[in-house]
Amino acid sequence: MRDRLRHLVLLTGALALLPFHALADYPEQPITMIVAYGAGGQTDITARTLAPFIEKHLGPGARVITVNKPGAGGEIGFAALADAKSDGYTIGFINTPTIQTIPIERRARFTLDRVTPLVNIIDDPGVIIVRNDSPYKTLADLVASAKANPLKVSIASTGVGSDDHLAILALQRQSKAQFLHIPFTTSIDNYRSMLNGNTAASATNIAEALRGVQSDPVRVLGIMAATRSPMAPKVPTFQEQGYNIVMGSMRGIAAPQGLSDEVKTKLVDAITKAANDPGFRKIADDTFQPLRVLDPATFATELRAGDDDFRALWTEAPWLAR
């Protein structure tokens, strides 16, 4: 009887330890990585490029499945991420400024504080591009035409409240020009509208523009960065051309709020190693993805600072009619 009791005590103790042993085996099932935009766009390319490297650094048997949940300017995907279980099996890309601007401009199904920033991957400066046969050879040409012909010079963007849209509004305020804003739901549609001649110009990001330059007859008029991009050293900044506009889109990975410290540490370690993996960096360079890898604390600080800035901007110059 004594031996049986001793065996039962040992068995009970072993069972009590099972949750801790199970954690060591994370991930035991596929991880879903949500992209809040359509297939083939900037975020989708980064996600699908990075996923195999996250799998590699999570360990044998790990799987990361990219799932697109586009719609409402990113709200559907961001809400799906915020609403998911905080068990480490759902992560997703969050994009600035829309992760910040959507809850400012309307009652959204998510808020910034409902996600946990893990690692930022991309910081993609904005640009304005036109077709090579466009009469606008410089940014000054584009602005002059819009000033002479209010609401006649069209510029496409990836939607209201996007970095592209906010950049157009900033250019209008500083130049006193009036452009005709044409919003699209994806960066691909934004780009194709300009390429097909349906819009005079496209406000987009440097990665999209440089991929286009490789195969399409397009011209980059300026980059919205503090300094010229090493990927496009001949493209002048907006500041060089008289406009104090620095705008772009950060794209990083987050999880639902409430993630355990143990799982967070494992994810952050794997994602950071993936982003710094020479194999991923080679692909990123080849596809013009401007990398800026930030740890969770730095990423969160930048998100909060941006949120404060956009809230102040909304008070001074709301980007939607109120």
Protein backbone atom coordinates (compact mmCIF):
# COMPACT_ATOMS: atom_id res chain seq x y z
CA MET A 1 0.00 0.00 0.00
CA ARG A 2 2.83 2.38 0.93
CA ASP A 3 4.50 1.80 -2.46
CA ARG A 4 1.20 2.46 -4.27
CA LEU A 5 0.72 5.74 -2.38
CA ARG A 6 4.26 6.78 -3.14
CA HIS A 7 3.69 6.02 -6.84
CA LEU A 8 0.45 8.04 -6.80
CA VAL A 9 2.19 11.05 -5.24
CA LEU A 10 4.95 10.92 -7.83
CA LEU A 11 2.42 10.62 -10.67
CA THR A 12 0.39 13.55 -9.34
CA GLY A 13 3.53 15.67 -9.11
CA ALA A 14 4.47 14.80 -12.68
CA LEU A 15 1.03 15.74 -13.96
CA ALA A 16 1.22 19.07 -12.15
CA LEU A 17 4.38 19.86 -14.06
CA LEU A 18 2.87 19.12 -17.48
CA PRO A 19 1.94 22.76 -18.35
CA PHE A 20 5.53 23.82 -17.84
CA HIS A 21 6.89 21.00 -19.97
CA ALA A 22 4.30 21.74 -22.64
CA LEU A 23 5.55 25.31 -22.83
CA ALA A 24 9.02 24.07 -23.70
CA ASP A 25 7.51 22.42 -26.78
CA TYR A 26 5.93 25.66 -28.12
CA PRO A 27 4.91 25.86 -30.87
CA GLU A 28 3.04 22.58 -30.98
CA GLN A 29 0.67 23.72 -33.74
CA PRO A 30 0.87 26.09 -36.74
CA ILE A 31 1.11 29.80 -36.03
CA THR A 32 -1.19 32.08 -38.02
CA MET A 33 0.39 35.35 -39.13
CA ILE A 34 -2.29 37.87 -40.14
CA VAL A 35 -1.72 40.44 -42.88
CA ALA A 36 -4.36 43.16 -42.79
CA TYR A 37 -3.96 43.87 -46.51
CA GLY A 38 -4.34 42.00 -49.78
CA ALA A 39 -2.04 39.43 -51.36
CA GLY A 40 0.84 40.83 -53.37
CA GLY A 41 1.09 44.12 -51.48
CA GLN A 42 4.04 45.45 -49.53
CA THR A 43 3.15 43.84 -46.20
CA ASP A 44 2.19 40.55 -47.81
CA ILE A 45 5.55 40.33 -49.57
CA THR A 46 7.44 40.94 -46.34
CA ALA A 47 5.31 38.46 -44.39
CA ARG A 48 5.67 35.64 -46.89
CA THR A 49 9.38 36.32 -47.27
CA LEU A 50 9.96 36.30 -43.52
CA ALA A 51 7.72 33.36 -42.52
CA PRO A 52 10.14 30.54 -43.48
CA PHE A 53 12.92 32.20 -41.52
CA ILE A 54 10.73 32.52 -38.41
CA GLU A 55 9.99 28.80 -38.77
CA LYS A 56 13.71 28.10 -39.05
CA HIS A 57 14.54 29.96 -35.84
CA LEU A 58 11.55 28.66 -33.84
CA GLY A 59 12.89 25.15 -34.32
CA PRO A 60 12.11 21.84 -36.05
CA GLY A 61 8.48 21.35 -36.98
CA ALA A 62 7.47 25.00 -36.56
CA ARG A 63 5.00 26.33 -39.15
CA VAL A 64 3.97 29.93 -39.80
CA ILE A 65 0.99 30.37 -42.11
CA THR A 66 0.34 33.80 -43.63
CA VAL A 67 -3.36 34.69 -43.81
CA ASN A 68 -4.66 37.82 -45.57
CA LYS A 69 -7.58 39.63 -43.91
CA PRO A 70 -7.94 42.84 -45.94
CA GLY A 71 -10.66 45.43 -45.63
CA ALA A 72 -11.64 48.74 -44.01
CA GLY A 73 -8.16 50.17 -44.44
CA GLY A 74 -6.62 47.45 -42.28
CA GLU A 75 -9.26 47.43 -39.54
CA ILE A 76 -10.50 43.91 -40.25
CA GLY A 77 -7.06 42.37 -39.94
CA PHE A 78 -5.99 44.46 -36.94
CA ALA A 79 -9.25 43.61 -35.14
CA ALA A 80 -8.77 39.90 -35.89
CA LEU A 81 -5.32 40.10 -34.32
CA ALA A 82 -6.54 42.01 -31.26
CA ASP A 83 -9.46 39.60 -30.77
CA ALA A 84 -7.39 36.40 -31.07
CA LYS A 85 -6.36 34.23 -28.13
CA SER A 86 -3.11 35.40 -26.56
CA ASP A 87 -1.57 31.93 -26.70
CA GLY A 88 1.18 32.63 -29.22
CA TYR A 89 -0.60 30.91 -32.09
CA THR A 90 -1.83 34.12 -33.69
CA ILE A 91 0.53 36.95 -34.56
CA GLY A 92 0.24 39.59 -37.25
CA PHE A 93 1.77 42.53 -39.01
CA ILE A 94 0.71 45.97 -37.83
CA ASN A 95 1.26 48.99 -40.08
CA THR A 96 1.75 52.62 -39.25
CA PRO A 97 0.06 54.97 -39.46
CA THR A 98 -3.21 53.04 -39.92
CA ILE A 99 -2.83 51.05 -36.67
CA GLN A 100 -2.86 54.50 -35.03
CA THR A 101 -5.08 56.61 -37.28
CA ILE A 102 -8.09 54.28 -37.66
CA PRO A 103 -9.07 54.44 -33.95
CA ILE A 104 -8.53 58.22 -34.01
CA GLU A 105 -10.81 58.91 -36.96
CA ARG A 106 -13.65 56.54 -36.04
CA ARG A 107 -14.92 54.08 -33.47
CA ALA A 108 -12.85 51.07 -34.49
CA ARG A 109 -13.04 47.39 -33.55
CA PHE A 110 -9.53 47.56 -32.12
CA THR A 111 -7.22 49.95 -30.29
CA LEU A 112 -3.45 50.18 -30.26
CA ASP A 113 -3.25 49.08 -26.62
CA ARG A 114 -4.94 45.76 -27.45
CA VAL A 115 -1.85 44.45 -29.25
CA THR A 116 1.63 43.66 -27.96
CA PRO A 117 4.45 44.90 -30.23
CA LEU A 118 7.07 42.20 -30.77
CA VAL A 119 9.59 43.23 -33.47
CA ASN A 120 9.48 45.93 -36.13
CA ILE A 121 10.81 44.76 -39.49
CA ILE A 122 10.33 47.50 -42.13
CA ASP A 123 10.42 51.30 -42.21
CA ASP A 124 9.35 52.25 -45.73
CA PRO A 125 9.55 55.99 -46.63
CA GLY A 126 6.89 57.55 -48.78
CA VAL A 127 7.45 58.76 -52.34
CA ILE A 128 5.47 60.31 -55.17
CA ILE A 129 5.84 58.70 -58.57
CA VAL A 130 4.60 59.44 -62.09
CA ARG A 131 4.88 57.78 -65.48
CA ASN A 132 8.02 58.52 -67.47
CA ASP A 133 5.93 60.24 -70.15
CA SER A 134 4.27 62.50 -67.57
CA PRO A 135 4.68 66.26 -68.09
CA TYR A 136 5.77 66.43 -64.43
CA LYS A 137 9.53 66.04 -64.38
CA THR A 138 9.96 67.29 -60.82
CA LEU A 139 7.92 67.72 -57.66
CA ALA A 140 7.84 71.44 -58.38
CA ASP A 141 6.17 70.75 -61.74
CA LEU A 142 3.47 68.65 -60.06
CA VAL A 143 2.79 71.28 -57.39
CA ALA A 144 2.72 74.15 -59.90
CA SER A 145 0.14 72.36 -62.02
CA ALA A 146 -2.06 71.62 -58.99
CA LYS A 147 -1.90 75.25 -57.88
CA ALA A 148 -2.87 76.45 -61.35
CA ASN A 149 -5.59 73.80 -61.71
CA PRO A 150 -7.17 73.15 -58.27
CA LEU A 151 -8.61 69.64 -57.85
CA LYS A 152 -7.60 68.69 -61.40
CA VAL A 153 -4.26 66.96 -60.72
CA SER A 154 -5.07 63.52 -59.28
CA ILE A 155 -2.90 61.59 -56.84
CA ALA A 156 -3.72 58.01 -55.84
CA SER A 157 -3.18 56.63 -52.34
CA THR A 158 -3.80 53.42 -50.42
CA GLY A 159 -6.72 54.94 -48.55
CA VAL A 160 -7.93 57.63 -46.20
CA GLY A 161 -5.71 57.95 -43.14
CA SER A 162 -2.84 56.02 -44.75
CA ASP A 163 0.69 57.41 -44.80
CA ASP A 164 0.17 58.16 -48.50
CA HIS A 165 -2.98 60.20 -47.80
CA LEU A 166 -1.42 62.09 -44.88
CA ALA A 167 1.59 62.91 -47.07
CA ILE A 168 -0.68 64.34 -49.79
CA LEU A 169 -2.44 66.50 -47.19
CA ALA A 170 0.90 67.68 -45.80
CA LEU A 171 2.06 68.64 -49.30
CA GLN A 172 -1.19 70.54 -49.86
CA ARG A 173 -0.85 72.46 -46.60
CA GLN A 174 2.75 73.43 -47.25
CA SER A 175 2.41 74.24 -50.96
CA LYS A 176 -1.15 75.72 -50.90
CA ALA A 177 -1.95 73.44 -53.85
CA GLN A 178 -5.16 71.41 -54.12
CA PHE A 179 -4.82 67.87 -55.44
CA LEU A 180 -7.63 65.49 -56.31
CA HIS A 181 -7.17 62.59 -53.89
CA ILE A 182 -8.13 59.15 -55.28
CA PRO A 183 -8.05 56.50 -52.51
CA PHE A 184 -7.63 52.79 -53.23
CA THR A 185 -7.79 49.82 -50.90
CA THR A 186 -4.46 48.24 -51.92
CA SER A 187 -1.02 49.50 -52.86
CA ILE A 188 -1.21 47.49 -56.08
CA ASP A 189 -4.38 49.28 -57.22
CA ASN A 190 -2.85 52.59 -56.21
CA TYR A 191 0.23 51.90 -58.34
CA ARG A 192 -1.66 50.50 -61.34
CA SER A 193 -3.94 53.52 -61.47
CA MET A 194 -0.93 55.77 -62.05
CA LEU A 195 0.72 53.29 -64.41
CA ASN A 196 -2.42 53.00 -66.53
CA GLY A 197 -2.77 56.76 -66.72
CA ASN A 198 -5.98 56.93 -64.69
CA THR A 199 -4.33 59.14 -62.08
CA ALA A 200 -1.57 61.67 -62.66
CA ALA A 201 0.60 60.48 -59.79
CA SER A 202 0.82 57.92 -57.03
CA ALA A 203 1.74 58.51 -53.40
CA THR A 204 3.24 55.20 -52.34
CA ASN A 205 6.37 53.82 -50.67
CA ILE A 206 9.93 53.47 -51.88
CA ALA A 207 9.82 49.66 -52.00
CA GLU A 208 6.84 49.64 -54.36
CA ALA A 209 8.34 52.41 -56.47
CA LEU A 210 11.73 50.74 -56.90
CA ARG A 211 10.20 47.40 -57.80
CA GLY A 212 8.18 49.29 -60.41
CA VAL A 213 11.19 51.13 -61.79
CA GLN A 214 12.76 47.77 -62.62
CA SER A 215 10.05 46.87 -65.12
CA ASP A 216 7.75 49.84 -65.68
CA PRO A 217 8.20 53.33 -67.19
CA VAL A 218 7.91 55.30 -63.94
CA ARG A 219 9.77 58.23 -62.37
CA VAL A 220 10.24 58.94 -58.66
CA LEU A 221 9.83 62.67 -57.93
CA GLY A 222 10.94 62.65 -54.30
CA ILE A 223 11.31 60.62 -51.13
CA MET A 224 9.77 61.57 -47.77
CA ALA A 225 12.77 60.66 -45.64
CA ALA A 226 15.21 62.72 -43.58
CA THR A 227 18.05 61.66 -45.90
CA ARG A 228 18.31 60.11 -49.35
CA SER A 229 17.77 56.38 -49.49
CA PRO A 230 20.83 54.19 -50.17
CA MET A 231 18.52 52.18 -52.43
CA ALA A 232 17.80 55.28 -54.55
CA PRO A 233 20.62 57.78 -53.95
CA LYS A 234 19.68 59.95 -56.96
CA VAL A 235 16.14 60.62 -55.70
CA PRO A 236 16.00 63.93 -53.79
CA THR A 237 14.18 64.20 -50.49
CA PHE A 238 11.10 66.39 -50.10
CA GLN A 239 13.11 68.53 -47.68
CA GLU A 240 15.70 69.18 -50.39
CA GLN A 241 12.85 70.41 -52.58
CA GLY A 242 11.46 72.79 -49.98
CA TYR A 243 8.86 70.65 -48.19
CA ASN A 244 9.38 69.53 -44.62
CA ILE A 245 7.65 66.17 -45.02
CA VAL A 246 8.98 62.96 -43.49
CA MET A 247 6.41 60.20 -43.82
CA GLY A 248 6.40 56.45 -44.25
CA SER A 249 5.08 53.15 -43.01
CA MET A 250 6.58 51.00 -40.30
CA ARG A 251 5.61 47.33 -40.55
CA GLY A 252 6.25 45.04 -37.65
CA ILE A 253 4.90 41.96 -35.93
CA ALA A 254 2.61 42.07 -32.90
CA ALA A 255 0.52 39.65 -30.85
CA PRO A 256 -2.74 39.98 -28.96
CA GLN A 257 -2.45 41.67 -25.56
CA GLY A 258 -1.88 39.22 -22.70
CA LEU A 259 0.84 37.06 -24.24
CA SER A 260 2.84 35.23 -21.58
CA ASP A 261 6.41 36.38 -20.99
CA GLU A 262 7.76 32.93 -21.89
CA VAL A 263 6.02 32.75 -25.26
CA LYS A 264 6.78 36.40 -26.00
CA THR A 265 10.48 35.83 -25.36
CA LYS A 266 10.53 32.82 -27.67
CA LEU A 267 8.69 34.67 -30.45
CA VAL A 268 10.80 37.82 -30.16
CA ASP A 269 13.99 35.77 -30.26
CA ALA A 270 12.91 33.82 -33.36
CA ILE A 271 11.55 36.87 -35.23
CA THR A 272 14.67 38.93 -34.46
CA LYS A 273 16.94 36.15 -35.66
CA ALA A 274 14.77 35.72 -38.75
CA ALA A 275 14.95 39.45 -39.59
CA ASN A 276 18.74 39.39 -39.21
CA ASP A 277 19.21 36.10 -41.05
CA PRO A 278 21.54 36.62 -44.05
CA GLY A 279 19.12 34.66 -46.24
CA PHE A 280 16.20 36.93 -45.42
CA ARG A 281 18.32 40.07 -45.71
CA LYS A 282 19.46 39.05 -49.18
CA ILE A 283 15.85 38.62 -50.32
CA ALA A 284 14.87 41.89 -48.64
CA ASP A 285 17.64 43.73 -50.51
CA ASP A 286 16.63 42.14 -53.79
CA THR A 287 12.99 43.17 -53.31
CA PHE A 288 13.76 46.68 -52.00
CA GLN A 289 12.43 46.15 -48.48
CA PRO A 290 13.93 48.85 -46.21
CA LEU A 291 14.75 46.97 -43.02
CA ARG A 292 14.70 48.59 -39.59
CA VAL A 293 14.65 45.90 -36.92
CA LEU A 294 13.46 47.22 -33.54
CA ASP A 295 13.14 45.38 -30.23
CA PRO A 296 9.76 45.31 -28.43
CA ALA A 297 10.45 48.29 -26.15
CA THR A 298 11.75 50.56 -28.92
CA PHE A 299 8.96 49.48 -31.26
CA ALA A 300 6.33 50.23 -28.59
CA THR A 301 7.88 53.62 -27.82
CA GLU A 302 7.77 54.63 -31.50
CA LEU A 303 4.17 53.47 -31.82
CA ARG A 304 3.10 55.51 -28.78
CA ALA A 305 4.98 58.59 -29.98
CA GLY A 306 3.36 58.32 -33.41
CA ASP A 307 -0.04 57.88 -31.81
CA ASP A 308 0.46 61.10 -29.82
CA ASP A 309 1.54 62.95 -32.97
CA PHE A 310 -1.45 61.79 -35.02
CA ARG A 311 -3.88 62.67 -32.24
CA ALA A 312 -2.41 66.17 -32.15
CA LEU A 313 -2.63 66.39 -35.95
CA TRP A 314 -6.28 65.25 -35.86
CA THR A 315 -7.07 68.09 -33.48
CA GLU A 316 -5.36 70.66 -35.71
CA ALA A 317 -6.10 69.32 -39.19
CA PRO A 318 -8.42 66.29 -39.28
CA TRP A 319 -8.00 64.20 -42.41
CA LEU A 320 -11.73 63.42 -42.51
CA ALA A 321 -14.58 65.90 -42.55
CA ARG A 322 -16.17 66.11 -39.09
